[in-house]
Amino acid sequence: EEDGRTNKKLIRNTLKNTEEQLARYQDMIRCHRSYIVNRKHVQKLTRGNYGLELSLFNFPQPIHVSRQYALKVKEALRHH
C-alpha cells in the first residue's frame, strides 16, 4: 500500500518461489496461479460469473480465485 492505494507489484521470480518466501507471513495467501494477496486487504469474497472472486480495499479489479485454491482461501478468510 502506498499513499492509501493498493498496488500491484511485478516480481521477476516464480510465484511458487515467492509463495515459499512469504510462507512465514500468515496473511499472505495464494488464490490463483497468478495471484498472492494479503488477506488483511480482502474486503469480501463473492461468487462471480466464473467462480469465486476477491474484492480488495482500494483496488478496482476483482481477483479471481481458482477452484484449486478456493478451500484454502475460504479457510484463511474464516480465521481472519
C-alpha atoms as a PDB file:
ATOM      1  CA  GLU A   1       0.000   0.000   0.000  1.00  0.00           C
ATOM      2  CA  GLU A   2       1.355   3.390  -0.987  1.00  0.00           C
ATOM      3  CA  ASP A   3      -0.385   6.721  -0.467  1.00  0.00           C
ATOM      4  CA  GLY A   4      -3.568   4.937   0.624  1.00  0.00           C
ATOM      5  CA  ARG A   5      -3.774   2.880  -2.570  1.00  0.00           C
ATOM      6  CA  THR A   6      -3.150  -0.832  -3.042  1.00  0.00           C
ATOM      7  CA  ASN A   7      -0.732  -1.506  -5.875  1.00  0.00           C
ATOM      8  CA  LYS A   8       0.322  -4.466  -7.956  1.00  0.00           C
ATOM      9  CA  LYS A   9       3.976  -5.470  -7.809  1.00  0.00           C
ATOM     10  CA  LEU A  10       5.839  -7.145 -10.659  1.00  0.00           C
ATOM     11  CA  ILE A  11       8.329  -9.624  -9.278  1.00  0.00           C
ATOM     12  CA  ARG A  12      10.803 -11.407 -11.517  1.00  0.00           C
ATOM     13  CA  ASN A  13      10.604 -14.755  -9.818  1.00  0.00           C
ATOM     14  CA  THR A  14       8.293 -17.742  -9.984  1.00  0.00           C
ATOM     15  CA  LEU A  15       5.160 -17.419  -7.913  1.00  0.00           C
ATOM     16  CA  LYS A  16       5.999 -20.714  -6.234  1.00  0.00           C
ATOM     17  CA  ASN A  17       9.342 -19.277  -5.017  1.00  0.00           C
ATOM     18  CA  THR A  18       7.634 -16.071  -3.951  1.00  0.00           C
ATOM     19  CA  GLU A  19       4.999 -18.076  -2.075  1.00  0.00           C
ATOM     20  CA  GLU A  20       7.743 -20.005  -0.269  1.00  0.00           C
ATOM     21  CA  GLN A  21       9.495 -16.750   0.701  1.00  0.00           C
ATOM     22  CA  LEU A  22       6.201 -15.362   2.040  1.00  0.00           C
ATOM     23  CA  ALA A  23       5.278 -18.568   3.921  1.00  0.00           C
ATOM     24  CA  ARG A  24       6.259 -17.074   7.280  1.00  0.00           C
ATOM     25  CA  TYR A  25       3.696 -14.284   6.775  1.00  0.00           C
ATOM     26  CA  GLN A  26       0.333 -15.875   7.562  1.00  0.00           C
ATOM     27  CA  ASP A  27      -1.631 -13.022   5.994  1.00  0.00           C
ATOM     28  CA  MET A  28      -0.312 -13.777   2.509  1.00  0.00           C
ATOM     29  CA  ILE A  29      -2.488 -16.326   0.700  1.00  0.00           C
ATOM     30  CA  ARG A  30      -2.291 -17.761  -2.770  1.00  0.00           C
ATOM     31  CA  CYS A  31      -5.651 -17.587  -4.515  1.00  0.00           C
ATOM     32  CA  HIS A  32      -4.772 -18.302  -8.138  1.00  0.00           C
ATOM     33  CA  ARG A  33      -1.835 -19.489 -10.212  1.00  0.00           C
ATOM     34  CA  SER A  34      -1.163 -15.801 -10.911  1.00  0.00           C
ATOM     35  CA  TYR A  35      -2.013 -14.116  -7.602  1.00  0.00           C
ATOM     36  CA  ILE A  36      -0.949 -13.931  -3.980  1.00  0.00           C
ATOM     37  CA  VAL A  37      -2.931 -11.489  -1.846  1.00  0.00           C
ATOM     38  CA  ASN A  38      -2.731 -10.091   1.656  1.00  0.00           C
ATOM     39  CA  ARG A  39      -5.869 -11.245   3.460  1.00  0.00           C
ATOM     40  CA  LYS A  40      -5.916  -8.026   5.510  1.00  0.00           C
ATOM     41  CA  HIS A  41      -6.758  -6.212   2.266  1.00  0.00           C
ATOM     42  CA  VAL A  42      -9.652  -8.504   1.316  1.00  0.00           C
ATOM     43  CA  GLN A  43     -12.951  -6.683   1.556  1.00  0.00           C
ATOM     44  CA  LYS A  44     -15.182  -9.595   0.569  1.00  0.00           C
ATOM     45  CA  LEU A  45     -15.357 -12.959  -1.159  1.00  0.00           C
ATOM     46  CA  THR A  46     -18.181 -13.312  -3.689  1.00  0.00           C
ATOM     47  CA  ARG A  47     -19.377 -15.780  -6.275  1.00  0.00           C
ATOM     48  CA  GLY A  48     -18.995 -14.163  -9.680  1.00  0.00           C
ATOM     49  CA  ASN A  49     -19.866 -15.339 -13.186  1.00  0.00           C
ATOM     50  CA  TYR A  50     -16.754 -17.502 -13.388  1.00  0.00           C
ATOM     51  CA  GLY A  51     -16.441 -18.677  -9.781  1.00  0.00           C
ATOM     52  CA  LEU A  52     -15.170 -17.041  -6.618  1.00  0.00           C
ATOM     53  CA  GLU A  53     -13.735 -13.533  -6.661  1.00  0.00           C
ATOM     54  CA  LEU A  54     -11.965 -11.439  -4.049  1.00  0.00           C
ATOM     55  CA  SER A  55     -12.695  -7.739  -3.745  1.00  0.00           C
ATOM     56  CA  LEU A  56      -9.812  -5.812  -2.217  1.00  0.00           C
ATOM     57  CA  PHE A  57      -9.904  -2.465  -0.432  1.00  0.00           C
ATOM     58  CA  ASN A  58      -8.621   0.347  -2.663  1.00  0.00           C
ATOM     59  CA  PHE A  59      -8.176  -1.948  -5.695  1.00  0.00           C
ATOM     60  CA  PRO A  60     -10.708  -1.646  -8.525  1.00  0.00           C
ATOM     61  CA  GLN A  61     -10.480  -5.078 -10.156  1.00  0.00           C
ATOM     62  CA  PRO A  62     -11.768  -8.311  -8.636  1.00  0.00           C
ATOM     63  CA  ILE A  63      -9.184 -11.073  -8.166  1.00  0.00           C
ATOM     64  CA  HIS A  64     -10.290 -14.475  -9.427  1.00  0.00           C
ATOM     65  CA  VAL A  65      -9.953 -17.420  -7.032  1.00  0.00           C
ATOM     66  CA  SER A  66      -9.241 -20.666  -8.847  1.00  0.00           C
ATOM     67  CA  ARG A  67     -11.018 -23.857  -7.810  1.00  0.00           C
ATOM     68  CA  GLN A  68      -7.664 -25.314  -6.763  1.00  0.00           C
ATOM     69  CA  TYR A  69      -7.202 -22.636  -4.075  1.00  0.00           C
ATOM     70  CA  ALA A  70     -10.869 -21.973  -3.154  1.00  0.00           C
ATOM     71  CA  LEU A  71     -10.946 -24.103   0.003  1.00  0.00           C
ATOM     72  CA  LYS A  72      -7.621 -22.699   1.233  1.00  0.00           C
ATOM     73  CA  VAL A  73      -8.808 -19.120   0.652  1.00  0.00           C
ATOM     74  CA  LYS A  74     -12.144 -19.697   2.429  1.00  0.00           C
ATOM     75  CA  GLU A  75     -10.346 -21.227   5.399  1.00  0.00           C
ATOM     76  CA  ALA A  76      -7.814 -18.375   5.582  1.00  0.00           C
ATOM     77  CA  LEU A  77     -10.554 -15.741   5.464  1.00  0.00           C
ATOM     78  CA  ARG A  78     -12.638 -17.551   8.068  1.00  0.00           C
ATOM     79  CA  HIS A  79      -9.753 -17.258  10.566  1.00  0.00           C
ATOM     80  CA  HIS A  80      -9.192 -13.575   9.816  1.00  0.00           C
END
